[in-house]
Amino acid sequence: MSILRLNEFTALPGQFENLVEQFDALIEEVRVLPGCERCELLLKVADGNDDDDRLVILEVWTSISHHKAAASAGDPQRIKAILALLSHRPSGQYYSAVEDPDLD
């Protein structure tokens, strides 16, 4: 069963577009790594709140160990550049799908 990882990031004021550009490049690199089934950058749909500086990266991996190996293989300079654009520490969590026995 695949593992889903949701990561949430908040850009510093005025840095949202720069953060999106950095993640666009990073995601292209991640998509070809062993064990990566999917990697998408999700932008919040404007809902009238003033917190539209957040974005989410959705990742699907064959295993947690594949994700961890990929995370440690990232370009340290790109990671440093991304962290410099964040207003606070990113958050993330692993999830697995609930199997529906009626779908078999």
N, C-alpha and C. Protein backbone atom coordinates (compact mmCIF):
# COMPACT_ATOMS: atom_id res chain seq x y z
N MET A 1 0.84 -1.17 0.00
CA MET A 1 0.00 0.00 0.00
C MET A 1 0.89 1.25 0.00
N SER A 2 0.51 2.24 -0.76
CA SER A 2 1.25 3.49 -0.85
C SER A 2 1.06 4.33 0.40
N ILE A 3 2.04 5.20 0.62
CA ILE A 3 2.01 6.14 1.73
C ILE A 3 1.86 7.54 1.16
N LEU A 4 0.95 8.31 1.73
CA LEU A 4 0.74 9.69 1.30
C LEU A 4 1.37 10.63 2.31
N ARG A 5 2.04 11.64 1.84
CA ARG A 5 2.66 12.64 2.71
C ARG A 5 2.10 14.01 2.32
N LEU A 6 1.56 14.73 3.31
CA LEU A 6 1.10 16.10 3.12
C LEU A 6 2.05 17.02 3.87
N ASN A 7 2.56 18.02 3.17
CA ASN A 7 3.49 18.98 3.74
C ASN A 7 2.91 20.37 3.55
N GLU A 8 2.84 21.15 4.61
CA GLU A 8 2.29 22.50 4.52
C GLU A 8 3.38 23.53 4.79
N PHE A 9 3.38 24.58 3.97
CA PHE A 9 4.39 25.62 4.04
C PHE A 9 3.72 26.98 4.02
N THR A 10 4.31 27.95 4.70
CA THR A 10 3.83 29.33 4.68
C THR A 10 4.99 30.24 4.31
N ALA A 11 4.78 31.04 3.27
CA ALA A 11 5.82 31.93 2.78
C ALA A 11 5.93 33.18 3.64
N LEU A 12 7.13 33.72 3.67
CA LEU A 12 7.33 35.04 4.26
C LEU A 12 6.54 36.06 3.45
N PRO A 13 6.13 37.16 4.05
CA PRO A 13 5.42 38.19 3.28
C PRO A 13 6.22 38.61 2.04
N GLY A 14 5.56 38.62 0.91
CA GLY A 14 6.18 39.02 -0.34
C GLY A 14 7.04 37.96 -1.01
N GLN A 15 7.11 36.76 -0.44
CA GLN A 15 7.99 35.71 -0.98
C GLN A 15 7.23 34.52 -1.58
N PHE A 16 5.91 34.62 -1.65
CA PHE A 16 5.12 33.48 -2.12
C PHE A 16 5.52 33.03 -3.52
N GLU A 17 5.63 33.95 -4.46
CA GLU A 17 5.98 33.58 -5.84
C GLU A 17 7.37 32.95 -5.91
N ASN A 18 8.32 33.48 -5.15
CA ASN A 18 9.66 32.89 -5.11
C ASN A 18 9.62 31.47 -4.56
N LEU A 19 8.80 31.27 -3.53
CA LEU A 19 8.68 29.93 -2.94
C LEU A 19 8.08 28.95 -3.94
N VAL A 20 7.06 29.38 -4.66
CA VAL A 20 6.44 28.53 -5.68
C VAL A 20 7.47 28.15 -6.74
N GLU A 21 8.28 29.10 -7.19
CA GLU A 21 9.31 28.81 -8.19
C GLU A 21 10.32 27.77 -7.67
N GLN A 22 10.75 27.93 -6.43
CA GLN A 22 11.69 26.97 -5.85
C GLN A 22 11.08 25.57 -5.78
N PHE A 23 9.82 25.50 -5.35
CA PHE A 23 9.16 24.19 -5.25
C PHE A 23 8.89 23.58 -6.63
N ASP A 24 8.58 24.40 -7.62
CA ASP A 24 8.38 23.86 -8.97
C ASP A 24 9.62 23.10 -9.43
N ALA A 25 10.78 23.69 -9.22
CA ALA A 25 12.03 23.04 -9.61
C ALA A 25 12.29 21.78 -8.79
N LEU A 26 12.06 21.87 -7.48
CA LEU A 26 12.30 20.73 -6.60
C LEU A 26 11.38 19.56 -6.95
N ILE A 27 10.14 19.83 -7.22
CA ILE A 27 9.16 18.78 -7.51
C ILE A 27 9.54 18.01 -8.78
N GLU A 28 10.06 18.71 -9.77
CA GLU A 28 10.50 18.02 -10.99
C GLU A 28 11.60 17.02 -10.66
N GLU A 29 12.47 17.35 -9.73
CA GLU A 29 13.54 16.44 -9.32
C GLU A 29 13.00 15.27 -8.51
N VAL A 30 12.03 15.54 -7.66
CA VAL A 30 11.47 14.51 -6.78
C VAL A 30 10.70 13.46 -7.57
N ARG A 31 9.98 13.88 -8.58
CA ARG A 31 9.11 12.96 -9.35
C ARG A 31 9.84 11.78 -9.96
N VAL A 32 11.12 11.92 -10.20
CA VAL A 32 11.87 10.84 -10.85
C VAL A 32 12.64 9.97 -9.86
N LEU A 33 12.52 10.25 -8.57
CA LEU A 33 13.25 9.49 -7.56
C LEU A 33 12.61 8.11 -7.34
N PRO A 34 13.42 7.13 -6.97
CA PRO A 34 12.88 5.79 -6.71
C PRO A 34 11.81 5.82 -5.61
N GLY A 35 10.69 5.19 -5.89
CA GLY A 35 9.62 5.08 -4.92
C GLY A 35 8.59 6.19 -4.99
N CYS A 36 8.87 7.26 -5.76
CA CYS A 36 7.90 8.36 -5.88
C CYS A 36 6.83 7.98 -6.89
N GLU A 37 5.58 7.97 -6.44
CA GLU A 37 4.46 7.67 -7.32
C GLU A 37 3.76 8.95 -7.79
N ARG A 38 3.88 9.99 -6.96
CA ARG A 38 3.21 11.26 -7.29
C ARG A 38 3.79 12.36 -6.42
N CYS A 39 3.91 13.56 -6.97
CA CYS A 39 4.34 14.73 -6.21
C CYS A 39 3.70 15.95 -6.85
N GLU A 40 2.88 16.65 -6.10
CA GLU A 40 2.13 17.78 -6.63
C GLU A 40 2.21 18.97 -5.69
N LEU A 41 2.33 20.16 -6.26
CA LEU A 41 2.28 21.41 -5.52
C LEU A 41 0.85 21.90 -5.60
N LEU A 42 0.24 22.12 -4.43
CA LEU A 42 -1.15 22.56 -4.36
C LEU A 42 -1.21 23.97 -3.79
N LEU A 43 -1.86 24.86 -4.52
CA LEU A 43 -2.01 26.23 -4.06
C LEU A 43 -3.42 26.42 -3.51
N LYS A 44 -3.53 27.14 -2.44
CA LYS A 44 -4.81 27.37 -1.79
C LYS A 44 -5.72 28.20 -2.70
N VAL A 45 -6.96 27.81 -2.77
CA VAL A 45 -7.95 28.58 -3.52
C VAL A 45 -8.37 29.74 -2.63
N ALA A 46 -8.35 30.93 -3.20
CA ALA A 46 -8.70 32.12 -2.41
C ALA A 46 -10.10 31.95 -1.82
N ASP A 47 -10.21 32.17 -0.53
CA ASP A 47 -11.50 32.03 0.15
C ASP A 47 -11.84 33.27 0.96
N GLY A 48 -11.17 34.37 0.70
CA GLY A 48 -11.46 35.61 1.41
C GLY A 48 -10.63 35.81 2.66
N ASN A 49 -9.95 34.76 3.13
CA ASN A 49 -9.07 34.91 4.28
C ASN A 49 -7.76 35.51 3.82
N ASP A 50 -7.03 36.09 4.74
CA ASP A 50 -5.77 36.73 4.38
C ASP A 50 -4.57 35.82 4.58
N ASP A 51 -4.78 34.52 4.51
CA ASP A 51 -3.69 33.57 4.70
C ASP A 51 -3.38 32.81 3.40
N ASP A 52 -3.45 33.50 2.28
CA ASP A 52 -3.22 32.87 0.99
C ASP A 52 -1.74 32.70 0.67
N ASP A 53 -0.89 32.82 1.67
CA ASP A 53 0.54 32.63 1.48
C ASP A 53 0.96 31.19 1.80
N ARG A 54 -0.03 30.32 1.95
CA ARG A 54 0.26 28.91 2.26
C ARG A 54 0.15 28.05 1.02
N LEU A 55 0.92 26.97 1.02
CA LEU A 55 0.81 25.98 -0.03
C LEU A 55 1.06 24.61 0.57
N VAL A 56 0.66 23.60 -0.18
CA VAL A 56 0.78 22.22 0.28
C VAL A 56 1.48 21.42 -0.82
N ILE A 57 2.34 20.51 -0.41
CA ILE A 57 2.89 19.54 -1.34
C ILE A 57 2.34 18.18 -0.95
N LEU A 58 1.72 17.53 -1.93
CA LEU A 58 1.17 16.20 -1.75
C LEU A 58 2.14 15.22 -2.42
N GLU A 59 2.57 14.24 -1.67
CA GLU A 59 3.49 13.23 -2.19
C GLU A 59 2.90 11.85 -1.95
N VAL A 60 3.08 10.96 -2.90
CA VAL A 60 2.70 9.56 -2.73
C VAL A 60 3.95 8.73 -3.01
N TRP A 61 4.28 7.88 -2.03
CA TRP A 61 5.49 7.06 -2.08
C TRP A 61 5.14 5.60 -1.86
N THR A 62 6.01 4.74 -2.36
CA THR A 62 5.80 3.31 -2.14
C THR A 62 6.03 2.95 -0.67
N SER A 63 6.82 3.76 0.03
CA SER A 63 7.07 3.50 1.46
C SER A 63 7.61 4.76 2.13
N ILE A 64 7.52 4.80 3.44
CA ILE A 64 8.10 5.90 4.22
C ILE A 64 9.61 5.93 4.03
N SER A 65 10.22 4.76 3.97
CA SER A 65 11.68 4.73 3.81
C SER A 65 12.11 5.34 2.47
N HIS A 66 11.32 5.15 1.41
CA HIS A 66 11.64 5.80 0.13
C HIS A 66 11.56 7.32 0.29
N HIS A 67 10.54 7.80 0.98
CA HIS A 67 10.41 9.25 1.18
C HIS A 67 11.59 9.79 1.97
N LYS A 68 11.94 9.12 3.04
CA LYS A 68 13.05 9.59 3.87
C LYS A 68 14.37 9.58 3.10
N ALA A 69 14.57 8.57 2.28
CA ALA A 69 15.78 8.52 1.46
C ALA A 69 15.80 9.68 0.47
N ALA A 70 14.67 9.99 -0.11
CA ALA A 70 14.58 11.10 -1.05
C ALA A 70 14.82 12.43 -0.36
N ALA A 71 14.29 12.58 0.84
CA ALA A 71 14.45 13.84 1.58
C ALA A 71 15.91 14.09 1.91
N SER A 72 16.62 13.05 2.22
CA SER A 72 18.03 13.23 2.56
C SER A 72 18.91 13.37 1.32
N ALA A 73 18.36 13.09 0.14
CA ALA A 73 19.14 13.20 -1.09
C ALA A 73 18.98 14.56 -1.76
N GLY A 74 18.14 15.43 -1.19
CA GLY A 74 17.89 16.73 -1.79
C GLY A 74 19.12 17.63 -1.81
N ASP A 75 19.15 18.54 -2.78
CA ASP A 75 20.23 19.51 -2.91
C ASP A 75 20.20 20.45 -1.70
N PRO A 76 21.23 20.42 -0.87
CA PRO A 76 21.24 21.25 0.35
C PRO A 76 21.09 22.75 0.07
N GLN A 77 21.60 23.22 -1.06
CA GLN A 77 21.48 24.64 -1.40
C GLN A 77 20.02 25.00 -1.72
N ARG A 78 19.33 24.11 -2.44
CA ARG A 78 17.92 24.38 -2.75
C ARG A 78 17.09 24.34 -1.47
N ILE A 79 17.36 23.37 -0.60
CA ILE A 79 16.62 23.28 0.66
C ILE A 79 16.87 24.53 1.50
N LYS A 80 18.09 24.98 1.55
CA LYS A 80 18.43 26.20 2.29
C LYS A 80 17.68 27.40 1.72
N ALA A 81 17.62 27.50 0.39
CA ALA A 81 16.91 28.61 -0.26
C ALA A 81 15.41 28.56 0.07
N ILE A 82 14.85 27.37 0.08
CA ILE A 82 13.42 27.23 0.40
C ILE A 82 13.17 27.62 1.85
N LEU A 83 13.99 27.12 2.76
CA LEU A 83 13.80 27.44 4.18
C LEU A 83 13.90 28.94 4.45
N ALA A 84 14.72 29.64 3.68
CA ALA A 84 14.87 31.09 3.85
C ALA A 84 13.62 31.85 3.42
N LEU A 85 12.74 31.21 2.66
CA LEU A 85 11.52 31.87 2.19
C LEU A 85 10.31 31.57 3.07
N LEU A 86 10.48 30.76 4.11
CA LEU A 86 9.37 30.34 4.96
C LEU A 86 9.23 31.24 6.19
N SER A 87 7.98 31.49 6.57
CA SER A 87 7.74 32.31 7.76
C SER A 87 7.88 31.51 9.05
N HIS A 88 7.72 30.20 8.97
CA HIS A 88 7.93 29.33 10.13
C HIS A 88 8.19 27.91 9.64
N ARG A 89 8.53 27.07 10.56
CA ARG A 89 8.88 25.68 10.25
C ARG A 89 7.72 24.99 9.53
N PRO A 90 8.02 24.26 8.45
CA PRO A 90 6.95 23.55 7.75
C PRO A 90 6.41 22.39 8.58
N SER A 91 5.20 21.98 8.26
CA SER A 91 4.62 20.82 8.94
C SER A 91 4.30 19.75 7.90
N GLY A 92 4.34 18.51 8.34
CA GLY A 92 4.04 17.40 7.44
C GLY A 92 3.68 16.15 8.21
N GLN A 93 2.96 15.27 7.54
CA GLN A 93 2.50 14.05 8.19
C GLN A 93 2.30 12.97 7.14
N TYR A 94 2.52 11.73 7.54
CA TYR A 94 2.26 10.57 6.68
C TYR A 94 0.83 10.08 6.89
N TYR A 95 0.22 9.61 5.79
CA TYR A 95 -1.13 9.06 5.85
C TYR A 95 -1.19 7.80 5.00
N SER A 96 -2.13 6.94 5.33
CA SER A 96 -2.41 5.79 4.47
C SER A 96 -3.92 5.77 4.22
N ALA A 97 -4.30 5.21 3.10
CA ALA A 97 -5.71 5.15 2.74
C ALA A 97 -6.43 4.09 3.57
N VAL A 98 -7.65 4.36 3.90
CA VAL A 98 -8.50 3.37 4.57
C VAL A 98 -9.07 2.49 3.47
N GLU A 99 -8.81 1.23 3.57
CA GLU A 99 -9.29 0.30 2.55
C GLU A 99 -10.79 0.08 2.74
N ASP A 100 -11.54 0.19 1.66
CA ASP A 100 -12.97 -0.02 1.68
C ASP A 100 -13.25 -1.43 1.15
N PRO A 101 -13.68 -2.34 2.01
CA PRO A 101 -13.89 -3.74 1.57
C PRO A 101 -14.97 -3.85 0.49
N ASP A 102 -15.87 -2.86 0.40
CA ASP A 102 -16.92 -2.90 -0.62
C ASP A 102 -16.39 -2.58 -2.02
N LEU A 103 -15.16 -2.08 -2.10
CA LEU A 103 -14.59 -1.74 -3.39
C LEU A 103 -13.86 -2.89 -4.05
N ASP A 104 -13.67 -3.99 -3.34
CA ASP A 104 -12.96 -5.14 -3.92
C ASP A 104 -13.78 -5.86 -4.94
